[in-house]
Amino acid sequence: MAIDLELAIFRIIGAEADKLHIAAYAVGGVVRDHFLQRPCSDIDIVCAADKIGGEVNIGIELAQAVAKQCHGAKVSVYKTYGTASFRTHTTNVATGEKIDIEVEFVGARKESYSHDSRNPVVENGSIEDDQHRRDFTVNALAICLNHDHYGELVDPFNGLRDLDKGCLRTPLDPDITFNDDPLRMMRAVRFASQLGFYIENSTIEAIKRNAYRLSIVSAERITTELNKIMMSSKPSVGLKSMQHCNLMQHVVPELSALVGVETVDGRGHKDNFYHTLQVVDNVAEKSNNLWLRWAALLHDIGKAGVKQYSKQQGWTFHGHEAKGAHMVKRLFRRLRLPMGAEMKYVEKLVMLHMRPIVLAEDVVTDSAVRRLLFEAGDDIDDLMLLCNADITSKNPEKVRRYRANFELVKTKLVELEERDRIRNFQPPVGGNDIMTTFGIGPCHEVGVIKDAIKEAVLDGKIANRRDEAWQMMLRLGKELGLTAIDETDPKASQA
């Protein structure tokens, strides 16, 4: 079977490999994606020599030779791992399109692992040895690039058949594959999510048996795979697989704690885990913002810790938003997720995600909408998207009512923002104004006046204007026993 590869660089690699008497193969994702007709900008090349061994690393040697033919691309060499790579651009010979790519070269190898590490002992090997060490049959496909055998497919594990079936299966015994490198279990659910594939039964059972082995994998590597699942078109596929295969309890146990429905007196609550997956999918349909998707994933993690039942109210989860927001920082730190603006963004949305819903259940007052706009700031649109995604009721009348009230909330948000300029606002009169006017330093009274002005603006008692805030400041100062040095607003006189 001869495969016609579209990228011009493959012919260049084959020609340089022939000069060096090296067998060169395109392997892994680039071959898989070729058959799936998916774009691929990362190309892996495996090289094998007639004689195994020697001092020269043939992967690095071939990379340097090919780079010279690619406008002198700069080669990055990693001698410890026996790899070399460079970035360049090539042409799709079928369409004429220019494509930016990264090409990585490595000599064919065979690996052996110790029980307490996912870092293998590596030896030079053949292309067959290299295919044996691959994670899944669909990633063990190789295509020869040398002139005499150009385009020939090497498929010892029926990977092409699995590709047609949409099946993820390991080339070797899955227990060995996952015990050797436990990260492959996360890659299984990631590929299932990204490609829409299914994991065959014996592979699933092996993941379940070896899930505990994730403990030897760094949090950074696990989170990289998890983020790829989160950015897939339907994240629930991978997340559901993680739970089914016992991986979730080792990665995000806070989500596993949401699984299941408890029933008392014949009254049960919804399964908050599967509700969460639906919310994530709903957000994914509308936004590619990774951190908004994380907010959707974590929005209900506080429910397990606050769940209560009473005959009067049934099941309640009071305060789960505050509980969940408190858990976000610890979870981000454990998973080595960014602890800066991204974490604070997710924390804020988890804390506020019930606010628009509560508004939609009640009379939508200007004051409540002002406060929501003030607290959400520039993230108000993302918050509203999350809250819309959170409506997963099977009751169409309930959904219709929520949607209608949400539209009212959004309309009021626009009106109040245009009229009152509340988003990210600071009180029109600040602490320095108060201290200068009354000739005082930092003290309790300054905070009292400043907070009262802020609350008055949010409640609509005064407009978000300096002149009204100035008069309120003078009045409050007198009530607190303060004497103004000069009641004239210097900024007003300048104007």
Protein backbone atom coordinates (compact mmCIF):
# COMPACT_ATOMS: atom_id res chain seq x y z
CA MET A 1 0.00 0.00 0.00
CA ALA A 2 1.62 3.27 -1.12
CA ILE A 3 0.57 6.50 0.60
CA ASP A 4 0.83 9.84 -1.19
CA LEU A 5 1.97 12.32 1.48
CA GLU A 6 1.11 15.90 0.63
CA LEU A 7 3.94 17.87 2.29
CA ALA A 8 7.02 18.62 0.21
CA ILE A 9 9.34 18.23 3.19
CA PHE A 10 8.79 14.46 3.24
CA ARG A 11 10.61 14.13 -0.10
CA ILE A 12 13.46 16.27 1.25
CA ILE A 13 13.76 14.05 4.35
CA GLY A 14 13.75 10.91 2.19
CA ALA A 15 16.45 12.27 -0.13
CA GLU A 16 18.76 13.27 2.74
CA ALA A 17 18.16 9.93 4.47
CA ASP A 18 19.17 8.09 1.26
CA LYS A 19 22.43 10.07 1.12
CA LEU A 20 23.21 9.04 4.71
CA HIS A 21 22.09 5.42 4.20
CA ILE A 22 19.44 5.88 6.86
CA ALA A 23 15.91 4.47 6.79
CA ALA A 24 13.48 7.28 7.64
CA TYR A 25 9.82 6.99 8.57
CA ALA A 26 7.04 9.43 9.35
CA VAL A 27 5.33 8.02 12.43
CA GLY A 28 2.61 8.67 14.98
CA GLY A 29 0.24 11.62 14.89
CA VAL A 30 1.17 12.92 11.44
CA VAL A 31 0.36 9.54 9.86
CA ARG A 32 -2.80 9.09 11.92
CA ASP A 33 -4.01 12.59 11.06
CA HIS A 34 -3.21 12.04 7.39
CA PHE A 35 -5.73 9.20 7.28
CA LEU A 36 -8.23 11.17 9.37
CA GLN A 37 -7.77 14.20 7.07
CA ARG A 38 -6.93 16.37 10.06
CA PRO A 39 -4.33 19.17 9.91
CA CYS A 40 -1.07 18.38 11.66
CA SER A 41 1.80 20.82 12.24
CA ASP A 42 4.01 18.49 14.33
CA ILE A 43 5.93 15.85 12.38
CA ASP A 44 7.78 12.98 14.04
CA ILE A 45 10.50 11.21 12.07
CA VAL A 46 12.07 7.93 13.23
CA CYS A 47 15.41 6.88 11.73
CA ALA A 48 17.00 3.45 11.58
CA ALA A 49 20.45 2.47 10.31
CA ASP A 50 21.66 -0.78 8.78
CA LYS A 51 23.90 -1.32 11.78
CA ILE A 52 22.53 -0.55 15.22
CA GLY A 53 24.91 1.19 17.60
CA GLY A 54 27.90 3.45 17.08
CA GLU A 55 28.72 6.91 18.32
CA VAL A 56 26.76 8.95 15.78
CA ASN A 57 23.13 9.62 16.67
CA ILE A 58 21.41 9.15 13.34
CA GLY A 59 18.32 11.19 14.31
CA ILE A 60 20.41 14.25 15.08
CA GLU A 61 22.58 13.68 12.00
CA LEU A 62 19.54 13.52 9.71
CA ALA A 63 17.92 16.56 11.33
CA GLN A 64 21.01 18.66 10.67
CA ALA A 65 21.19 17.51 7.05
CA VAL A 66 17.51 18.23 6.39
CA ALA A 67 17.67 21.63 8.11
CA LYS A 68 20.36 22.75 5.64
CA GLN A 69 17.88 22.09 2.82
CA CYS A 70 15.19 24.10 4.64
CA HIS A 71 16.72 27.58 4.38
CA GLY A 72 19.22 26.75 7.13
CA ALA A 73 16.59 26.20 9.83
CA LYS A 74 18.04 26.30 13.35
CA VAL A 75 18.26 22.85 14.89
CA SER A 76 17.68 22.29 18.60
CA VAL A 77 19.58 19.22 19.79
CA TYR A 78 18.70 17.23 22.91
CA LYS A 79 21.57 14.77 23.28
CA THR A 80 20.21 13.32 26.53
CA TYR A 81 17.14 12.08 24.67
CA GLY A 82 18.82 11.55 21.31
CA THR A 83 16.44 13.93 19.55
CA ALA A 84 16.69 17.02 17.39
CA SER A 85 14.03 19.36 16.05
CA PHE A 86 13.54 22.52 14.05
CA ARG A 87 10.75 24.77 12.85
CA THR A 88 10.30 25.61 9.19
CA HIS A 89 7.64 25.99 6.56
CA THR A 90 6.77 23.64 3.74
CA THR A 91 4.32 23.42 0.87
CA ASN A 92 1.28 21.22 0.49
CA VAL A 93 1.97 19.87 -2.99
CA ALA A 94 -1.73 19.20 -3.59
CA THR A 95 -2.97 22.71 -2.74
CA GLY A 96 0.14 24.90 -2.94
CA GLU A 97 -0.55 26.12 0.62
CA LYS A 98 2.41 27.19 2.78
CA ILE A 99 2.36 25.51 6.20
CA ASP A 100 4.43 26.20 9.33
CA ILE A 101 5.63 22.97 10.88
CA GLU A 102 7.89 21.58 13.59
CA VAL A 103 9.85 18.46 12.71
CA GLU A 104 11.39 16.22 15.36
CA PHE A 105 13.89 13.47 14.55
CA VAL A 106 14.85 10.53 16.72
CA GLY A 107 16.71 7.29 16.17
CA ALA A 108 14.59 4.13 16.38
CA ARG A 109 14.77 2.74 19.90
CA LYS A 110 13.55 0.16 22.30
CA GLU A 111 12.76 0.96 25.93
CA SER A 112 12.65 -0.72 29.31
CA TYR A 113 11.13 0.75 32.48
CA SER A 114 11.61 0.43 36.22
CA HIS A 115 8.51 0.22 38.40
CA ASP A 116 8.93 3.59 40.14
CA SER A 117 9.67 5.82 37.14
CA ARG A 118 8.13 6.66 33.78
CA ASN A 119 11.59 7.55 32.42
CA PRO A 120 12.77 4.56 30.37
CA VAL A 121 16.18 3.05 29.78
CA VAL A 122 16.64 3.57 26.05
CA GLU A 123 18.65 1.50 23.56
CA ASN A 124 19.04 1.81 19.81
CA GLY A 125 16.61 -0.39 17.93
CA SER A 126 14.78 -1.07 14.70
CA ILE A 127 11.63 0.55 13.33
CA GLU A 128 9.76 -2.51 14.62
CA ASP A 129 11.19 -1.96 18.12
CA ASP A 130 10.09 1.66 17.92
CA GLN A 131 6.55 0.73 16.93
CA HIS A 132 6.32 -1.71 19.84
CA ARG A 133 6.91 1.12 22.31
CA ARG A 134 4.07 3.30 20.95
CA ASP A 135 1.03 3.97 23.10
CA PHE A 136 -1.78 2.98 20.72
CA THR A 137 -2.02 1.08 17.46
CA VAL A 138 -3.32 4.16 15.64
CA ASN A 139 -0.14 5.97 16.71
CA ALA A 140 2.15 3.08 15.69
CA LEU A 141 1.56 3.58 11.97
CA ALA A 142 4.72 4.41 10.02
CA ILE A 143 5.27 5.49 6.41
CA CYS A 144 8.65 5.05 4.72
CA LEU A 145 10.18 8.19 3.19
CA ASN A 146 13.15 6.64 1.36
CA HIS A 147 12.96 6.80 -2.44
CA ASP A 148 12.78 3.07 -3.19
CA HIS A 149 9.95 2.47 -0.69
CA TYR A 150 8.42 5.94 -0.52
CA GLY A 151 4.88 5.93 0.85
CA GLU A 152 4.91 2.30 1.99
CA LEU A 153 2.86 1.79 5.15
CA VAL A 154 4.31 -0.25 8.01
CA ASP A 155 1.39 -1.40 10.16
CA PRO A 156 2.27 -4.44 12.32
CA PHE A 157 -0.65 -3.99 14.76
CA ASN A 158 -3.56 -3.36 12.38
CA GLY A 159 -3.62 0.29 13.37
CA LEU A 160 -5.28 1.26 10.09
CA ARG A 161 -8.16 -1.09 10.87
CA ASP A 162 -8.49 0.45 14.35
CA LEU A 163 -8.41 3.89 12.77
CA ASP A 164 -11.32 2.95 10.52
CA LYS A 165 -13.23 1.60 13.52
CA GLY A 166 -12.42 4.60 15.71
CA CYS A 167 -10.86 2.27 18.29
CA LEU A 168 -8.07 2.94 20.80
CA ARG A 169 -6.05 -0.17 21.58
CA THR A 170 -2.48 -0.71 22.79
CA PRO A 171 0.06 -2.50 20.54
CA LEU A 172 1.22 -4.73 23.42
CA ASP A 173 -0.42 -6.03 26.59
CA PRO A 174 -2.18 -2.91 27.95
CA ASP A 175 -1.10 -3.68 31.53
CA ILE A 176 2.52 -3.50 30.41
CA THR A 177 1.92 -0.39 28.31
CA PHE A 178 0.24 1.54 31.15
CA ASN A 179 2.43 0.20 33.94
CA ASP A 180 5.52 1.29 31.99
CA ASP A 181 4.23 4.79 31.27
CA PRO A 182 1.07 5.68 33.25
CA LEU A 183 0.63 8.98 31.39
CA ARG A 184 -0.58 6.88 28.45
CA MET A 185 -3.82 6.32 30.38
CA MET A 186 -4.51 10.06 30.31
CA ARG A 187 -3.55 10.11 26.64
CA ALA A 188 -6.14 7.39 25.99
CA VAL A 189 -9.01 9.47 27.32
CA ARG A 190 -7.58 12.58 25.66
CA PHE A 191 -7.53 10.90 22.23
CA ALA A 192 -11.03 9.55 22.84
CA SER A 193 -12.19 13.10 23.53
CA GLN A 194 -10.27 14.81 20.72
CA LEU A 195 -10.91 12.23 17.99
CA GLY A 196 -14.31 10.94 19.04
CA PHE A 197 -12.86 7.41 19.37
CA TYR A 198 -13.82 4.67 21.82
CA ILE A 199 -11.44 2.78 24.09
CA GLU A 200 -11.75 -0.97 23.63
CA ASN A 201 -12.77 -3.02 26.68
CA SER A 202 -9.50 -4.76 27.58
CA THR A 203 -7.74 -1.39 27.42
CA ILE A 204 -10.38 0.18 29.70
CA GLU A 205 -10.00 -2.63 32.22
CA ALA A 206 -6.22 -2.23 32.19
CA ILE A 207 -6.57 1.52 32.84
CA LYS A 208 -8.83 0.76 35.81
CA ARG A 209 -6.25 -1.66 37.23
CA ASN A 210 -3.34 0.74 36.73
CA ALA A 211 -4.97 4.09 37.52
CA TYR A 212 -3.08 4.31 40.84
CA ARG A 213 0.17 4.45 38.86
CA LEU A 214 -0.57 8.07 37.96
CA SER A 215 1.08 8.88 41.29
CA ILE A 216 4.53 8.63 39.65
CA VAL A 217 3.61 11.14 36.91
CA SER A 218 4.23 14.85 37.44
CA ALA A 219 1.19 17.08 37.92
CA GLU A 220 2.37 19.23 35.00
CA ARG A 221 2.25 16.31 32.53
CA ILE A 222 -1.17 15.19 33.76
CA THR A 223 -2.57 18.71 33.56
CA THR A 224 -1.26 19.13 30.01
CA GLU A 225 -3.39 16.15 28.97
CA LEU A 226 -6.34 17.37 31.04
CA ASN A 227 -6.25 20.79 29.38
CA LYS A 228 -6.27 19.13 25.96
CA ILE A 229 -9.39 17.22 27.03
CA MET A 230 -10.92 20.48 28.24
CA MET A 231 -10.23 22.13 24.88
CA SER A 232 -11.76 19.33 22.80
CA SER A 233 -15.06 19.99 21.03
CA LYS A 234 -16.96 17.85 23.55
CA PRO A 235 -14.94 17.66 26.80
CA SER A 236 -17.48 15.40 28.50
CA VAL A 237 -16.28 12.43 26.42
CA GLY A 238 -12.83 12.49 28.01
CA LEU A 239 -14.07 13.54 31.45
CA LYS A 240 -16.64 10.75 31.51
CA SER A 241 -13.94 8.26 30.48
CA MET A 242 -11.68 9.53 33.27
CA GLN A 243 -14.40 8.79 35.81
CA HIS A 244 -15.32 5.43 34.26
CA CYS A 245 -11.66 4.34 34.18
CA ASN A 246 -10.95 5.39 37.83
CA LEU A 247 -8.61 8.21 36.74
CA MET A 248 -10.72 11.10 37.96
CA GLN A 249 -10.38 10.17 41.64
CA HIS A 250 -6.57 10.41 41.23
CA VAL A 251 -6.62 13.69 39.27
CA VAL A 252 -9.65 15.73 40.38
CA PRO A 253 -11.21 13.82 43.31
CA GLU A 254 -13.40 16.85 44.02
CA LEU A 255 -15.34 15.96 40.86
CA SER A 256 -15.58 12.25 41.67
CA ALA A 257 -17.18 13.28 44.98
CA LEU A 258 -20.14 14.66 43.00
CA VAL A 259 -20.98 11.31 41.39
CA GLY A 260 -24.24 9.62 42.29
CA VAL A 261 -27.77 10.33 43.45
CA GLU A 262 -28.76 9.97 47.09
CA THR A 263 -32.43 9.33 47.90
CA VAL A 264 -34.20 9.93 51.23
CA ASP A 265 -37.96 9.58 51.76
CA GLY A 266 -38.26 8.92 48.06
CA ARG A 267 -36.67 12.28 47.20
CA GLY A 268 -33.42 12.38 45.28
CA HIS A 269 -31.21 15.11 43.84
CA LYS A 270 -29.68 15.23 40.37
CA ASP A 271 -26.29 13.64 39.73
CA ASN A 272 -24.10 16.70 40.06
CA PHE A 273 -21.16 15.08 38.24
CA TYR A 274 -23.09 14.46 35.03
CA HIS A 275 -24.81 17.83 35.37
CA THR A 276 -21.33 19.39 35.50
CA LEU A 277 -20.27 17.59 32.32
CA GLN A 278 -23.34 18.95 30.55
CA VAL A 279 -22.50 22.48 31.69
CA VAL A 280 -18.91 22.12 30.40
CA ASP A 281 -20.18 20.92 27.02
CA ASN A 282 -22.68 23.79 26.89
CA VAL A 283 -19.89 26.30 27.51
CA ALA A 284 -17.63 24.55 24.98
CA GLU A 285 -20.28 25.07 22.29
CA LYS A 286 -20.06 28.83 22.84
CA SER A 287 -16.48 29.57 23.89
CA ASN A 288 -12.88 28.42 23.38
CA ASN A 289 -11.82 30.16 26.59
CA LEU A 290 -9.98 27.42 28.54
CA TRP A 291 -10.49 29.15 31.89
CA LEU A 292 -14.21 29.66 31.32
CA ARG A 293 -14.40 25.92 30.67
CA TRP A 294 -12.51 25.34 33.93
CA ALA A 295 -15.00 27.57 35.74
CA ALA A 296 -17.79 25.40 34.32
CA LEU A 297 -15.96 22.24 35.45
CA LEU A 298 -15.52 23.53 39.00
CA HIS A 299 -18.70 25.56 39.47
CA ASP A 300 -20.38 22.91 41.66
CA ILE A 301 -17.38 21.27 43.39
CA GLY A 302 -18.52 22.71 46.72
CA LYS A 303 -21.80 20.76 46.66
CA ALA A 304 -20.43 17.53 48.13
CA GLY A 305 -19.28 19.40 51.24
CA VAL A 306 -22.55 21.26 51.95
CA LYS A 307 -25.22 18.77 50.87
CA GLN A 308 -28.06 18.44 53.40
CA TYR A 309 -31.54 16.94 53.54
CA SER A 310 -34.58 18.10 55.45
CA LYS A 311 -38.21 17.04 55.16
CA GLN A 312 -39.22 20.67 54.74
CA GLN A 313 -36.82 21.61 51.93
CA GLY A 314 -35.61 18.30 50.56
CA TRP A 315 -32.02 18.35 49.30
CA THR A 316 -30.16 21.67 49.62
CA PHE A 317 -26.66 22.83 48.74
CA HIS A 318 -26.64 26.19 50.50
CA GLY A 319 -23.36 28.07 50.20
CA HIS A 320 -21.83 25.67 47.70
CA GLU A 321 -20.63 28.57 45.56
CA ALA A 322 -18.55 30.04 48.43
CA LYS A 323 -17.31 26.58 49.41
CA GLY A 324 -16.35 25.84 45.80
CA ALA A 325 -14.59 29.17 45.31
CA HIS A 326 -12.54 28.44 48.45
CA MET A 327 -11.49 25.09 46.96
CA VAL A 328 -10.31 26.53 43.64
CA LYS A 329 -6.95 27.87 44.87
CA ARG A 330 -5.94 24.60 46.51
CA LEU A 331 -6.97 22.61 43.43
CA PHE A 332 -5.08 24.91 41.04
CA ARG A 333 -1.96 24.67 43.20
CA ARG A 334 -2.12 20.86 43.31
CA LEU A 335 -2.56 20.57 39.53
CA ARG A 336 0.18 23.15 38.85
CA LEU A 337 -2.31 25.37 37.05
CA PRO A 338 -1.52 29.13 36.86
CA MET A 339 -1.98 30.81 40.24
CA GLY A 340 -2.35 34.35 38.90
CA ALA A 341 -5.14 36.02 36.95
CA GLU A 342 -6.44 32.71 35.57
CA MET A 343 -7.01 31.25 39.03
CA LYS A 344 -8.64 34.44 40.30
CA TYR A 345 -10.93 34.50 37.25
CA VAL A 346 -12.12 30.92 37.87
CA GLU A 347 -12.46 31.63 41.60
CA LYS A 348 -14.62 34.68 40.88
CA LEU A 349 -16.93 32.90 38.43
CA VAL A 350 -17.42 29.96 40.80
CA MET A 351 -18.27 32.39 43.61
CA LEU A 352 -20.72 34.39 41.47
CA HIS A 353 -22.30 31.68 39.32
CA MET A 354 -25.50 31.53 41.42
CA ARG A 355 -26.10 35.28 41.42
CA PRO A 356 -27.72 35.64 37.96
CA ILE A 357 -29.72 32.47 38.63
CA VAL A 358 -31.06 33.90 41.89
CA LEU A 359 -31.92 37.11 40.01
CA ALA A 360 -33.74 35.08 37.38
CA GLU A 361 -35.83 33.41 40.08
CA ASP A 362 -36.96 36.68 41.66
CA VAL A 363 -37.89 40.23 40.79
CA VAL A 364 -35.01 41.72 38.83
CA THR A 365 -34.24 44.98 40.68
CA ASP A 366 -31.86 47.67 39.49
CA SER A 367 -29.97 47.48 42.77
CA ALA A 368 -29.31 43.73 42.48
CA VAL A 369 -28.16 44.09 38.87
CA ARG A 370 -25.83 47.00 39.80
CA ARG A 371 -24.20 44.85 42.49
CA LEU A 372 -23.78 41.95 40.09
CA LEU A 373 -22.20 44.22 37.49
CA PHE A 374 -19.91 45.77 40.10
CA GLU A 375 -18.67 42.41 41.42
CA ALA A 376 -18.30 40.70 38.03
CA GLY A 377 -16.67 43.68 36.31
CA ASP A 378 -15.28 42.85 32.87
CA ASP A 379 -16.12 39.17 33.38
CA ILE A 380 -19.88 39.80 33.41
CA ASP A 381 -20.41 38.43 29.88
CA ASP A 382 -18.53 35.22 30.70
CA LEU A 383 -20.51 34.87 33.93
CA MET A 384 -23.79 35.18 32.05
CA LEU A 385 -22.63 32.60 29.51
CA LEU A 386 -21.74 30.20 32.34
CA CYS A 387 -25.10 30.73 34.02
CA ASN A 388 -26.98 30.09 30.80
CA ALA A 389 -24.97 26.88 30.38
CA ASP A 390 -25.90 25.90 33.94
CA ILE A 391 -29.59 25.54 33.01
CA THR A 392 -29.81 21.80 32.28
CA SER A 393 -33.32 21.13 33.63
CA LYS A 394 -35.42 18.56 31.76
CA ASN A 395 -38.49 20.71 32.55
CA PRO A 396 -39.06 22.85 29.42
CA GLU A 397 -41.30 25.35 31.26
CA LYS A 398 -38.63 25.93 33.90
CA VAL A 399 -36.00 26.41 31.21
CA ARG A 400 -38.26 28.84 29.31
CA ARG A 401 -38.85 30.91 32.48
CA TYR A 402 -35.14 31.05 33.33
CA ARG A 403 -34.17 32.04 29.80
CA ALA A 404 -36.78 34.80 29.71
CA ASN A 405 -35.60 36.23 33.04
CA PHE A 406 -31.97 35.97 31.96
CA GLU A 407 -32.80 38.10 28.94
CA LEU A 408 -34.34 40.67 31.31
CA VAL A 409 -31.20 40.59 33.47
CA LYS A 410 -29.00 41.10 30.39
CA THR A 411 -31.16 43.99 29.21
CA LYS A 412 -30.90 45.67 32.61
CA LEU A 413 -27.15 45.10 32.64
CA VAL A 414 -26.80 47.01 29.38
CA GLU A 415 -29.13 49.81 30.49
CA LEU A 416 -27.46 50.31 33.88
CA GLU A 417 -23.97 50.11 32.43
CA GLU A 418 -24.80 52.84 29.92
CA ARG A 419 -26.53 55.01 32.52
CA ASP A 420 -24.53 54.48 35.70
CA ARG A 421 -21.09 53.30 34.49
CA ILE A 422 -20.94 50.70 37.25
CA ARG A 423 -18.61 48.10 35.75
CA ASN A 424 -15.28 48.21 37.64
CA PHE A 425 -16.31 51.52 39.19
CA GLN A 426 -14.61 53.19 42.13
CA PRO A 427 -16.64 55.53 44.37
CA PRO A 428 -16.66 59.04 42.82
CA VAL A 429 -15.20 60.39 46.07
CA GLY A 430 -12.13 58.55 47.37
CA GLY A 431 -10.24 58.26 50.63
CA ASN A 432 -7.83 61.09 49.82
CA ASP A 433 -10.78 63.43 49.15
CA ILE A 434 -12.28 62.57 52.54
CA MET A 435 -9.02 63.01 54.48
CA THR A 436 -8.18 66.32 52.76
CA THR A 437 -11.67 67.77 53.25
CA PHE A 438 -11.83 66.97 56.97
CA GLY A 439 -8.12 67.33 57.76
CA ILE A 440 -7.77 63.78 59.08
CA GLY A 441 -5.47 60.85 58.43
CA PRO A 442 -6.36 57.23 57.68
CA CYS A 443 -9.01 56.13 60.19
CA HIS A 444 -12.23 54.19 60.66
CA GLU A 445 -14.40 57.16 59.66
CA VAL A 446 -12.78 57.34 56.21
CA GLY A 447 -13.78 53.74 55.51
CA VAL A 448 -17.32 54.30 56.81
CA ILE A 449 -17.89 57.29 54.49
CA LYS A 450 -16.31 55.62 51.46
CA ASP A 451 -18.33 52.39 51.89
CA ALA A 452 -21.56 54.32 52.45
CA ILE A 453 -21.08 56.24 49.21
CA LYS A 454 -20.34 53.03 47.31
CA GLU A 455 -23.47 51.34 48.72
CA ALA A 456 -25.60 54.39 47.91
CA VAL A 457 -24.47 54.30 44.28
CA LEU A 458 -25.12 50.54 44.00
CA ASP A 459 -28.54 50.92 45.62
CA GLY A 460 -29.42 53.78 43.28
CA LYS A 461 -29.85 56.29 46.13
CA ILE A 462 -27.43 58.65 44.44
CA ALA A 463 -26.12 58.73 40.87
CA ASN A 464 -22.60 57.62 40.08
CA ARG A 465 -21.53 61.26 39.90
CA ARG A 466 -18.93 63.22 41.88
CA ASP A 467 -21.19 66.16 42.80
CA GLU A 468 -23.81 63.94 44.44
CA ALA A 469 -21.12 61.83 46.17
CA TRP A 470 -19.41 65.04 47.44
CA GLN A 471 -22.60 66.31 49.10
CA MET A 472 -23.18 62.89 50.69
CA MET A 473 -19.60 62.90 52.00
CA LEU A 474 -20.12 66.29 53.68
CA ARG A 475 -23.39 65.14 55.24
CA LEU A 476 -21.92 61.88 56.55
CA GLY A 477 -18.86 63.70 57.90
CA LYS A 478 -21.04 65.99 60.00
CA GLU A 479 -23.01 63.01 61.30
CA LEU A 480 -19.73 61.43 62.40
CA GLY A 481 -18.62 64.62 64.17
CA LEU A 482 -16.09 65.72 61.55
CA THR A 483 -15.61 69.36 60.52
CA ALA A 484 -14.80 70.25 56.95
CA ILE A 485 -11.83 72.55 56.40
CA ASP A 486 -13.38 73.63 53.10
CA GLU A 487 -16.65 72.27 51.72
CA THR A 488 -15.80 73.30 48.16
CA ASP A 489 -14.86 70.49 45.81
CA PRO A 490 -11.49 71.57 44.28
CA LYS A 491 -12.14 69.49 41.17
CA ALA A 492 -15.48 71.20 40.65
CA SER A 493 -13.85 74.64 40.87
CA GLN A 494 -11.17 73.56 38.38
CA ALA A 495 -13.90 72.47 36.01
